[in-house]
């Protein structure tokens, strides 16, 4: 998966802001967005609009993943 940005939250840039804390990358589409410690929480907003379930850290030296869907309804 290729990230759509190499160092920026594209949603914050669209707002003319650069005050994110950490970056996350969607493993479904490569969207790079800011984490929930950031003012706009764009990674969570991306999940809400796309339903793409898994993000990974996009910080140097980190490779952990986060799944927004953590329960299954049967």
N, C-alpha and C. Protein backbone atom coordinates (compact mmCIF):
# COMPACT_ATOMS: atom_id res chain seq x y z
N UNK A 1 0.84 -1.17 0.00
CA UNK A 1 0.00 0.00 0.00
C UNK A 1 0.88 1.24 0.00
N UNK A 2 0.68 2.11 -0.93
CA UNK A 2 1.42 3.36 -1.00
C UNK A 2 0.67 4.46 -0.26
N UNK A 3 1.33 5.18 0.64
CA UNK A 3 0.67 6.29 1.33
C UNK A 3 0.42 7.45 0.37
N UNK A 4 -0.67 8.18 0.58
CA UNK A 4 -0.95 9.32 -0.29
C UNK A 4 -0.13 10.54 0.10
N UNK A 5 0.53 10.50 1.24
CA UNK A 5 1.43 11.56 1.69
C UNK A 5 2.59 10.89 2.39
N UNK A 6 3.74 11.54 2.40
CA UNK A 6 4.88 10.93 3.09
C UNK A 6 5.14 11.53 4.46
N UNK A 7 4.50 12.67 4.78
CA UNK A 7 4.78 13.29 6.07
C UNK A 7 3.68 14.18 6.61
N UNK A 8 2.52 14.21 5.99
CA UNK A 8 1.49 15.15 6.39
C UNK A 8 0.12 14.50 6.52
N UNK A 9 -0.71 15.06 7.42
CA UNK A 9 -2.13 14.71 7.45
C UNK A 9 -2.79 15.50 6.33
N UNK A 10 -3.24 14.82 5.30
CA UNK A 10 -3.80 15.52 4.15
C UNK A 10 -5.09 16.27 4.50
N UNK A 11 -5.84 15.78 5.48
CA UNK A 11 -7.07 16.46 5.88
C UNK A 11 -6.76 17.76 6.63
N UNK A 12 -5.73 17.76 7.47
CA UNK A 12 -5.32 18.99 8.15
C UNK A 12 -4.80 20.01 7.13
N UNK A 13 -3.99 19.54 6.17
CA UNK A 13 -3.49 20.46 5.15
C UNK A 13 -4.63 21.11 4.39
N UNK A 14 -5.69 20.35 4.12
CA UNK A 14 -6.85 20.90 3.41
C UNK A 14 -7.51 22.03 4.21
N UNK A 15 -7.35 21.98 5.55
CA UNK A 15 -7.89 23.03 6.42
C UNK A 15 -6.88 24.16 6.65
N UNK A 16 -5.69 24.02 6.08
CA UNK A 16 -4.64 25.01 6.28
C UNK A 16 -3.97 24.89 7.63
N UNK A 17 -3.99 23.72 8.22
CA UNK A 17 -3.41 23.50 9.55
C UNK A 17 -2.28 22.47 9.49
N UNK A 18 -1.40 22.55 10.46
CA UNK A 18 -0.28 21.62 10.56
C UNK A 18 -0.03 21.21 12.01
N UNK A 19 -1.06 21.17 12.83
CA UNK A 19 -0.87 20.94 14.26
C UNK A 19 -1.30 19.54 14.71
N UNK A 20 -0.99 18.53 13.94
CA UNK A 20 -1.32 17.17 14.34
C UNK A 20 -0.24 16.62 15.27
N UNK A 21 -0.61 15.60 16.06
CA UNK A 21 0.33 14.98 17.00
C UNK A 21 1.09 13.84 16.32
N UNK A 22 0.36 12.84 15.81
CA UNK A 22 0.96 11.68 15.17
C UNK A 22 0.14 11.31 13.94
N UNK A 23 0.76 10.58 13.03
CA UNK A 23 0.09 10.20 11.80
C UNK A 23 -0.24 8.72 11.76
N UNK A 24 -1.32 8.40 11.08
CA UNK A 24 -1.78 7.03 10.85
C UNK A 24 -2.02 6.86 9.35
N UNK A 25 -1.86 5.62 8.86
CA UNK A 25 -2.13 5.34 7.45
C UNK A 25 -3.17 4.23 7.33
N UNK A 26 -4.18 4.44 6.52
CA UNK A 26 -5.21 3.44 6.27
C UNK A 26 -4.61 2.32 5.42
N UNK A 27 -4.78 1.09 5.86
CA UNK A 27 -4.23 -0.04 5.11
C UNK A 27 -5.11 -0.46 3.95
N UNK A 28 -6.31 0.11 3.84
CA UNK A 28 -7.18 -0.19 2.70
C UNK A 28 -6.89 0.71 1.51
N UNK A 29 -6.62 2.02 1.78
CA UNK A 29 -6.50 2.95 0.66
C UNK A 29 -5.27 3.85 0.71
N UNK A 30 -4.49 3.81 1.81
CA UNK A 30 -3.29 4.63 1.90
C UNK A 30 -3.51 6.05 2.41
N UNK A 31 -4.74 6.37 2.83
CA UNK A 31 -5.03 7.71 3.35
C UNK A 31 -4.21 7.96 4.60
N UNK A 32 -3.50 9.09 4.66
CA UNK A 32 -2.69 9.46 5.82
C UNK A 32 -3.43 10.54 6.59
N UNK A 33 -3.64 10.28 7.89
CA UNK A 33 -4.44 11.19 8.70
C UNK A 33 -3.89 11.24 10.12
N UNK A 34 -4.34 12.24 10.87
CA UNK A 34 -3.85 12.45 12.24
C UNK A 34 -4.60 11.57 13.25
N UNK A 35 -3.92 11.29 14.36
CA UNK A 35 -4.44 10.40 15.40
C UNK A 35 -5.44 11.10 16.31
N UNK A 36 -5.99 10.35 17.26
CA UNK A 36 -6.97 10.91 18.20
C UNK A 36 -6.35 11.85 19.23
N UNK A 37 -5.04 11.93 19.33
CA UNK A 37 -4.40 12.92 20.19
C UNK A 37 -4.29 14.27 19.49
N UNK A 38 -4.64 14.31 18.22
CA UNK A 38 -4.61 15.54 17.44
C UNK A 38 -5.97 16.23 17.52
N UNK A 39 -6.00 17.54 17.33
CA UNK A 39 -7.26 18.28 17.47
C UNK A 39 -8.41 17.78 16.58
N UNK A 40 -8.11 17.37 15.36
CA UNK A 40 -9.19 17.02 14.42
C UNK A 40 -9.49 15.52 14.30
N UNK A 41 -8.62 14.68 14.83
CA UNK A 41 -8.85 13.23 14.85
C UNK A 41 -9.25 12.68 13.47
N UNK A 42 -8.50 13.05 12.45
CA UNK A 42 -8.87 12.69 11.08
C UNK A 42 -8.79 11.19 10.78
N UNK A 43 -7.93 10.43 11.46
CA UNK A 43 -7.88 8.99 11.22
C UNK A 43 -9.20 8.34 11.61
N UNK A 44 -9.73 8.71 12.77
CA UNK A 44 -11.02 8.18 13.20
C UNK A 44 -12.13 8.66 12.27
N UNK A 45 -12.06 9.91 11.84
CA UNK A 45 -13.06 10.44 10.90
C UNK A 45 -13.02 9.66 9.58
N UNK A 46 -11.82 9.28 9.15
CA UNK A 46 -11.70 8.49 7.91
C UNK A 46 -12.41 7.15 8.07
N UNK A 47 -12.21 6.50 9.21
CA UNK A 47 -12.93 5.25 9.44
C UNK A 47 -14.44 5.48 9.41
N UNK A 48 -14.90 6.53 10.06
CA UNK A 48 -16.33 6.82 10.10
C UNK A 48 -16.94 7.03 8.73
N UNK A 49 -16.20 7.63 7.81
CA UNK A 49 -16.75 7.89 6.48
C UNK A 49 -16.51 6.76 5.49
N UNK A 50 -15.44 5.98 5.70
CA UNK A 50 -15.07 4.95 4.72
C UNK A 50 -15.37 3.53 5.18
N UNK A 51 -15.41 3.34 6.51
CA UNK A 51 -15.52 2.01 7.12
C UNK A 51 -14.30 1.13 6.83
N UNK A 52 -13.17 1.73 6.44
CA UNK A 52 -11.91 0.98 6.30
C UNK A 52 -11.43 0.69 7.72
N UNK A 53 -11.31 -0.57 8.10
CA UNK A 53 -11.16 -0.91 9.51
C UNK A 53 -9.77 -0.80 10.12
N UNK A 54 -8.69 -0.86 9.33
CA UNK A 54 -7.36 -0.97 9.94
C UNK A 54 -6.45 0.18 9.52
N UNK A 55 -5.84 0.80 10.53
CA UNK A 55 -4.84 1.84 10.34
C UNK A 55 -3.54 1.32 10.93
N UNK A 56 -2.44 1.84 10.46
CA UNK A 56 -1.16 1.54 11.10
C UNK A 56 -0.49 2.85 11.44
N UNK A 57 0.42 2.80 12.41
CA UNK A 57 1.18 3.98 12.74
C UNK A 57 1.99 4.39 11.51
N UNK A 58 2.08 5.67 11.27
CA UNK A 58 2.88 6.18 10.17
C UNK A 58 4.02 7.03 10.72
N UNK A 59 4.49 6.62 11.91
CA UNK A 59 5.61 7.29 12.57
C UNK A 59 6.88 6.47 12.35
N UNK A 60 8.02 7.13 12.21
CA UNK A 60 9.28 6.41 12.01
C UNK A 60 9.54 5.41 13.15
N UNK A 61 9.90 4.19 12.77
CA UNK A 61 10.24 3.16 13.74
C UNK A 61 9.05 2.43 14.36
N UNK A 62 7.83 2.79 13.99
CA UNK A 62 6.65 2.13 14.53
C UNK A 62 5.96 1.33 13.42
N UNK A 63 5.46 0.13 13.77
CA UNK A 63 4.75 -0.66 12.78
C UNK A 63 3.48 -1.29 13.34
N UNK A 64 2.99 -0.80 14.48
CA UNK A 64 1.78 -1.38 15.07
C UNK A 64 0.54 -0.99 14.26
N UNK A 65 -0.50 -1.77 14.44
CA UNK A 65 -1.76 -1.55 13.72
C UNK A 65 -2.91 -1.39 14.71
N UNK A 66 -3.96 -0.73 14.26
CA UNK A 66 -5.16 -0.49 15.06
C UNK A 66 -6.37 -0.88 14.23
N UNK A 67 -7.23 -1.71 14.80
CA UNK A 67 -8.46 -2.11 14.10
C UNK A 67 -9.62 -1.40 14.78
N UNK A 68 -10.36 -0.58 14.05
CA UNK A 68 -11.50 0.14 14.60
C UNK A 68 -12.67 -0.80 14.92
N UNK A 69 -12.74 -1.90 14.21
CA UNK A 69 -13.82 -2.87 14.44
C UNK A 69 -13.29 -3.92 15.41
N UNK A 70 -13.71 -3.85 16.66
CA UNK A 70 -13.18 -4.78 17.64
C UNK A 70 -14.23 -5.72 18.23
N UNK A 71 -15.43 -5.67 17.71
CA UNK A 71 -16.48 -6.61 18.12
C UNK A 71 -17.21 -7.09 16.89
N UNK A 72 -17.71 -8.28 16.98
CA UNK A 72 -18.46 -8.85 15.86
C UNK A 72 -19.89 -9.10 16.29
N UNK A 73 -20.83 -8.68 15.49
CA UNK A 73 -22.24 -8.94 15.75
C UNK A 73 -22.64 -10.13 14.89
N UNK A 74 -23.10 -11.17 15.54
CA UNK A 74 -23.43 -12.39 14.81
C UNK A 74 -24.93 -12.51 14.66
